[in-house]
Amino acid sequence: MRAAPDVTEVKPDGTRRAITRAWVPEAPVALEFNGLSYAVMMASPQDLEDFTTGFALSEGLAARATDLSDIAIAEVELGWIVRAQLAGLGIDKLEDRVRRRVAESSCGLCGIENLAEVARPLPPVALHDPIEPAAIFAALAALRDRQPLGAATGAAHAAAHCRPDGTVTALREDVGRHNALDKLIGAMARTGQAVAPGFVLSTARCSYEIVEKAVRGGATTLVCISLPTSLAVQRATSAGLSLWALAREDSVLQVC
């Protein structure tokens, strides 16, 4: 994190004072698989092994963490490069996407040439027991103390895995909401932990790509602090994902 000691805070009455703020880290992170450049993401350059693994899993390039090996991270003048070796069925998809991809961002829809790809079937979510609202409230109460980057900057998203009783077992942060979820998925996969049973709690806006990543990452229940989009609800319903939204300390909305 970088500090800016000369930032000026202005109050409604016109009072001014110099304060020190910490900026949330953001840098270009280039992801290369098998020597092929796949994407350049704007991300917080921490937990990049987790990020690369989770990204490969949620993109469908890898079926399991062991499909990736030799993850190497290098800081260069303009950002960061992460190189990894990919094995398994994802190689064909990698080569196909590299041929077609001309641009990429953190948005799950960017670079897709065929609109039919948006409606591709998600793997069905495993049968699961519903979580209790009390577990969501317990997780929310514990979340703030587990977000050092968010506490320092006020500008970082978080994604957490929680047990059925709401105990937070893992959490990752990033400037990008998709990246935080990828990091969490990767962290769980790299340590051999199952995302279900339990639930994923995200500070992100609940949009199409958050649902997609949660399902492909093995989640059975997703909780977000904002309302979902119409497409997010449609995709969650079709996959059998339990979705809770607008999670607050005193209320939560059961969507599907």
Protein backbone atom coordinates (compact mmCIF):
# COMPACT_ATOMS: atom_id res chain seq x y z
CA MET A 1 0.00 0.00 0.00
CA ARG A 2 1.19 3.49 -0.79
CA ALA A 3 0.51 6.54 1.34
CA ALA A 4 -0.24 10.06 0.09
CA PRO A 5 0.51 12.46 2.98
CA ASP A 6 -0.58 15.58 1.09
CA VAL A 7 -4.22 14.59 0.53
CA THR A 8 -6.57 17.31 1.72
CA GLU A 9 -9.79 16.43 3.53
CA VAL A 10 -12.56 19.02 3.14
CA LYS A 11 -15.52 19.21 5.56
CA PRO A 12 -19.00 20.56 4.65
CA ASP A 13 -18.20 23.76 6.59
CA GLY A 14 -15.12 24.35 4.43
CA THR A 15 -12.62 23.21 7.04
CA ARG A 16 -9.54 21.65 5.49
CA ARG A 17 -6.80 19.43 6.89
CA ALA A 18 -3.96 17.35 5.50
CA ILE A 19 -4.34 13.63 6.08
CA THR A 20 -2.50 10.47 5.12
CA ARG A 21 -4.38 7.86 3.12
CA ALA A 22 -3.31 4.43 1.94
CA TRP A 23 -4.09 3.53 -1.64
CA VAL A 24 -5.30 0.06 -2.55
CA PRO A 25 -2.68 -1.60 -4.79
CA GLU A 26 -3.67 -1.98 -8.43
CA ALA A 27 -1.40 -3.13 -11.26
CA PRO A 28 -1.56 -4.96 -14.60
CA VAL A 29 -1.10 -8.70 -14.06
CA ALA A 30 -0.37 -10.69 -17.22
CA LEU A 31 -1.35 -14.37 -17.09
CA GLU A 32 0.53 -16.78 -19.32
CA PHE A 33 -0.22 -20.49 -19.62
CA ASN A 34 2.10 -22.84 -21.48
CA GLY A 35 3.95 -19.86 -22.89
CA LEU A 36 0.77 -18.32 -24.35
CA SER A 37 -0.45 -14.93 -23.20
CA TYR A 38 -4.05 -15.43 -22.07
CA ALA A 39 -5.16 -12.25 -20.28
CA VAL A 40 -4.03 -9.05 -18.64
CA MET A 41 -6.01 -8.30 -15.51
CA MET A 42 -6.02 -5.22 -13.30
CA ALA A 43 -5.52 -6.66 -9.83
CA SER A 44 -3.94 -6.19 -6.42
CA PRO A 45 -0.59 -8.00 -6.76
CA GLN A 46 -0.87 -10.23 -3.71
CA ASP A 47 -1.83 -13.92 -3.42
CA LEU A 48 -1.10 -14.25 -7.11
CA GLU A 49 -0.66 -18.04 -6.94
CA ASP A 50 -4.19 -18.27 -5.57
CA PHE A 51 -5.43 -15.80 -8.18
CA THR A 52 -3.92 -17.68 -11.10
CA THR A 53 -5.28 -21.02 -9.89
CA GLY A 54 -8.75 -19.65 -9.20
CA PHE A 55 -8.84 -17.80 -12.52
CA ALA A 56 -7.94 -20.98 -14.40
CA LEU A 57 -10.63 -22.94 -12.55
CA SER A 58 -13.37 -20.33 -13.01
CA GLU A 59 -12.44 -19.87 -16.69
CA GLY A 60 -12.72 -23.59 -17.26
CA LEU A 61 -9.07 -23.91 -18.22
CA ALA A 62 -8.40 -26.25 -15.31
CA ALA A 63 -10.60 -28.89 -13.69
CA ARG A 64 -8.52 -29.06 -10.50
CA ALA A 65 -5.63 -27.23 -8.91
CA THR A 66 -3.21 -30.00 -9.88
CA ASP A 67 -3.77 -29.17 -13.57
CA LEU A 68 -1.51 -26.18 -12.93
CA SER A 69 2.18 -26.45 -12.13
CA ASP A 70 5.35 -24.38 -12.10
CA ILE A 71 3.61 -21.12 -11.22
CA ALA A 72 6.24 -18.39 -11.45
CA ILE A 73 5.66 -14.75 -10.56
CA ALA A 74 7.82 -11.88 -11.78
CA GLU A 75 7.53 -8.17 -11.14
CA VAL A 76 8.49 -6.20 -14.24
CA GLU A 77 8.71 -2.49 -15.00
CA LEU A 78 5.10 -2.18 -16.16
CA GLY A 79 3.43 -4.63 -13.79
CA TRP A 80 3.51 -8.34 -13.05
CA ILE A 81 3.75 -11.51 -15.12
CA VAL A 82 2.52 -14.88 -13.86
CA ARG A 83 3.53 -17.93 -15.85
CA ALA A 84 2.16 -21.43 -15.30
CA GLN A 85 2.07 -24.80 -17.00
CA LEU A 86 -1.39 -26.13 -17.78
CA ALA A 87 -2.24 -29.80 -18.27
CA GLY A 88 -5.50 -31.63 -18.93
CA LEU A 89 -8.45 -30.88 -21.17
CA GLY A 90 -8.06 -27.12 -20.77
CA ILE A 91 -5.19 -26.96 -23.24
CA ASP A 92 -7.49 -27.02 -26.27
CA LYS A 93 -9.65 -24.29 -24.77
CA LEU A 94 -6.55 -22.25 -23.98
CA GLU A 95 -5.29 -22.38 -27.53
CA ASP A 96 -8.74 -21.61 -28.94
CA ARG A 97 -9.33 -18.62 -26.68
CA VAL A 98 -5.86 -17.24 -27.34
CA ARG A 99 -6.56 -17.34 -31.06
CA ARG A 100 -9.84 -15.46 -30.66
CA ARG A 101 -9.06 -13.10 -27.82
CA VAL A 102 -8.03 -9.56 -28.70
CA ALA A 103 -8.73 -7.86 -25.38
CA GLU A 104 -9.56 -8.78 -21.80
CA SER A 105 -10.68 -7.17 -18.57
CA SER A 106 -12.00 -8.39 -15.25
CA CYS A 107 -15.49 -8.61 -16.77
CA GLY A 108 -16.45 -12.18 -17.53
CA LEU A 109 -18.10 -11.17 -20.82
CA CYS A 110 -15.24 -9.21 -22.39
CA GLY A 111 -13.66 -10.76 -25.46
CA ILE A 112 -16.46 -13.28 -26.09
CA GLU A 113 -17.20 -13.22 -29.78
CA ASN A 114 -20.18 -15.56 -29.77
CA LEU A 115 -23.16 -14.41 -27.69
CA ALA A 116 -24.21 -18.05 -27.32
CA GLU A 117 -21.27 -18.42 -24.95
CA VAL A 118 -23.13 -16.28 -22.42
CA ALA A 119 -25.88 -18.88 -22.13
CA ARG A 120 -23.65 -21.95 -22.03
CA PRO A 121 -24.93 -24.38 -19.39
CA LEU A 122 -23.33 -24.24 -15.98
CA PRO A 123 -22.49 -27.47 -14.19
CA PRO A 124 -25.34 -28.36 -11.83
CA VAL A 125 -24.74 -27.47 -8.20
CA ALA A 126 -24.63 -30.44 -5.82
CA LEU A 127 -27.65 -31.08 -3.62
CA HIS A 128 -27.18 -29.23 -0.36
CA ASP A 129 -28.93 -28.25 2.83
CA PRO A 130 -30.10 -24.64 3.14
CA ILE A 131 -28.04 -22.43 5.42
CA GLU A 132 -29.60 -20.63 8.35
CA PRO A 133 -29.82 -16.81 8.28
CA ALA A 134 -28.07 -16.77 11.66
CA ALA A 135 -24.96 -18.14 9.95
CA ILE A 136 -24.96 -15.24 7.48
CA PHE A 137 -25.23 -12.69 10.28
CA ALA A 138 -22.39 -14.39 12.16
CA ALA A 139 -20.18 -14.29 9.07
CA LEU A 140 -20.95 -10.63 8.42
CA ALA A 141 -20.03 -9.76 12.01
CA ALA A 142 -16.67 -11.48 11.62
CA LEU A 143 -15.92 -10.16 8.13
CA ARG A 144 -14.65 -6.68 8.98
CA ASP A 145 -11.83 -7.89 11.22
CA ARG A 146 -10.62 -10.22 8.47
CA GLN A 147 -10.12 -7.47 5.84
CA PRO A 148 -6.81 -5.71 6.51
CA LEU A 149 -6.59 -4.24 2.99
CA GLY A 150 -10.16 -3.01 3.13
CA ALA A 151 -9.68 -1.54 6.59
CA ALA A 152 -6.55 0.33 5.52
CA THR A 153 -7.87 1.68 2.22
CA GLY A 154 -11.66 1.45 2.19
CA ALA A 155 -11.36 0.39 -1.45
CA ALA A 156 -10.89 -3.39 -1.59
CA HIS A 157 -13.39 -6.17 -2.20
CA ALA A 158 -13.38 -9.39 -0.21
CA ALA A 159 -14.57 -12.94 -0.80
CA ALA A 160 -14.77 -15.36 2.11
CA HIS A 161 -15.55 -19.02 2.63
CA CYS A 162 -17.74 -19.72 5.63
CA ARG A 163 -18.73 -22.93 7.35
CA PRO A 164 -22.45 -23.74 7.69
CA ASP A 165 -22.41 -22.05 11.12
CA GLY A 166 -20.94 -18.83 9.68
CA THR A 167 -17.34 -19.31 10.81
CA VAL A 168 -14.99 -17.66 8.29
CA THR A 169 -12.33 -20.17 7.23
CA ALA A 170 -10.61 -18.29 4.40
CA LEU A 171 -10.71 -14.80 2.93
CA ARG A 172 -8.99 -13.03 0.06
CA GLU A 173 -9.01 -9.35 -0.95
CA ASP A 174 -8.47 -7.49 -4.19
CA VAL A 175 -9.27 -4.20 -5.87
CA GLY A 176 -11.41 -6.24 -8.28
CA ARG A 177 -14.49 -8.09 -7.08
CA HIS A 178 -13.98 -10.93 -9.58
CA ASN A 179 -10.33 -11.20 -8.61
CA ALA A 180 -11.12 -11.53 -4.92
CA LEU A 181 -13.41 -14.48 -5.68
CA ASP A 182 -10.83 -16.07 -7.99
CA LYS A 183 -8.22 -15.75 -5.23
CA LEU A 184 -10.53 -17.41 -2.73
CA ILE A 185 -11.36 -20.26 -5.13
CA GLY A 186 -7.67 -20.73 -5.84
CA ALA A 187 -6.69 -20.65 -2.17
CA MET A 188 -9.26 -23.31 -1.32
CA ALA A 189 -8.25 -25.51 -4.26
CA ARG A 190 -4.52 -25.23 -3.61
CA THR A 191 -4.95 -26.37 -0.01
CA GLY A 192 -7.36 -29.16 -0.88
CA GLN A 193 -10.33 -27.55 0.90
CA ALA A 194 -13.84 -27.99 -0.48
CA VAL A 195 -15.93 -24.86 -0.95
CA ALA A 196 -19.05 -26.82 0.03
CA PRO A 197 -20.63 -27.45 2.48
CA GLY A 198 -20.80 -23.91 3.72
CA PHE A 199 -21.15 -20.77 1.68
CA VAL A 200 -19.25 -18.03 -0.13
CA LEU A 201 -19.70 -14.48 1.14
CA SER A 202 -18.81 -11.72 -1.32
CA THR A 203 -18.73 -7.96 -0.93
CA ALA A 204 -19.25 -7.69 -4.68
CA ARG A 205 -22.25 -6.60 -6.66
CA CYS A 206 -23.98 -9.88 -7.50
CA SER A 207 -23.73 -9.98 -11.26
CA TYR A 208 -23.58 -12.68 -13.91
CA GLU A 209 -19.87 -13.39 -13.61
CA ILE A 210 -19.88 -13.64 -9.80
CA VAL A 211 -22.52 -16.38 -10.02
CA GLU A 212 -20.56 -18.10 -12.80
CA LYS A 213 -17.33 -18.12 -10.83
CA ALA A 214 -19.03 -19.29 -7.64
CA VAL A 215 -20.66 -22.24 -9.41
CA ARG A 216 -17.54 -23.25 -11.31
CA GLY A 217 -15.54 -22.90 -8.10
CA GLY A 218 -17.71 -25.49 -6.39
CA ALA A 219 -19.95 -23.30 -4.24
CA THR A 220 -23.47 -24.41 -3.42
CA THR A 221 -24.55 -21.18 -1.69
CA LEU A 222 -23.57 -17.59 -2.48
CA VAL A 223 -24.24 -14.58 -0.24
CA CYS A 224 -23.67 -11.03 -1.54
CA ILE A 225 -24.09 -7.67 0.15
CA SER A 226 -25.95 -6.13 -2.80
CA LEU A 227 -28.89 -7.08 -4.97
CA PRO A 228 -28.31 -9.46 -7.90
CA THR A 229 -28.89 -8.63 -11.54
CA SER A 230 -31.68 -10.35 -13.42
CA LEU A 231 -29.19 -12.52 -15.31
CA ALA A 232 -27.45 -13.49 -12.06
CA VAL A 233 -30.77 -14.73 -10.65
CA GLN A 234 -31.53 -16.62 -13.86
CA ARG A 235 -28.14 -18.33 -13.91
CA ALA A 236 -28.21 -19.16 -10.20
CA THR A 237 -31.69 -20.65 -10.50
CA SER A 238 -30.82 -22.77 -13.53
CA ALA A 239 -27.70 -24.16 -11.86
CA GLY A 240 -29.37 -24.81 -8.52
CA LEU A 241 -27.20 -22.33 -6.63
CA SER A 242 -28.73 -21.01 -3.41
CA LEU A 243 -28.50 -17.23 -3.57
CA TRP A 244 -28.85 -14.72 -0.74
CA ALA A 245 -28.49 -10.99 -1.32
CA LEU A 246 -28.58 -7.56 0.27
CA ALA A 247 -26.92 -9.07 3.33
CA ARG A 248 -26.84 -6.60 6.20
CA GLU A 249 -26.31 -6.90 9.93
CA ASP A 250 -30.08 -6.83 10.53
CA SER A 251 -31.55 -8.45 7.40
CA VAL A 252 -30.84 -10.60 4.37
CA LEU A 253 -32.87 -11.46 1.26
CA GLN A 254 -33.32 -15.10 0.20
CA VAL A 255 -33.45 -15.01 -3.59
CA CYS A 256 -33.45 -18.64 -4.71
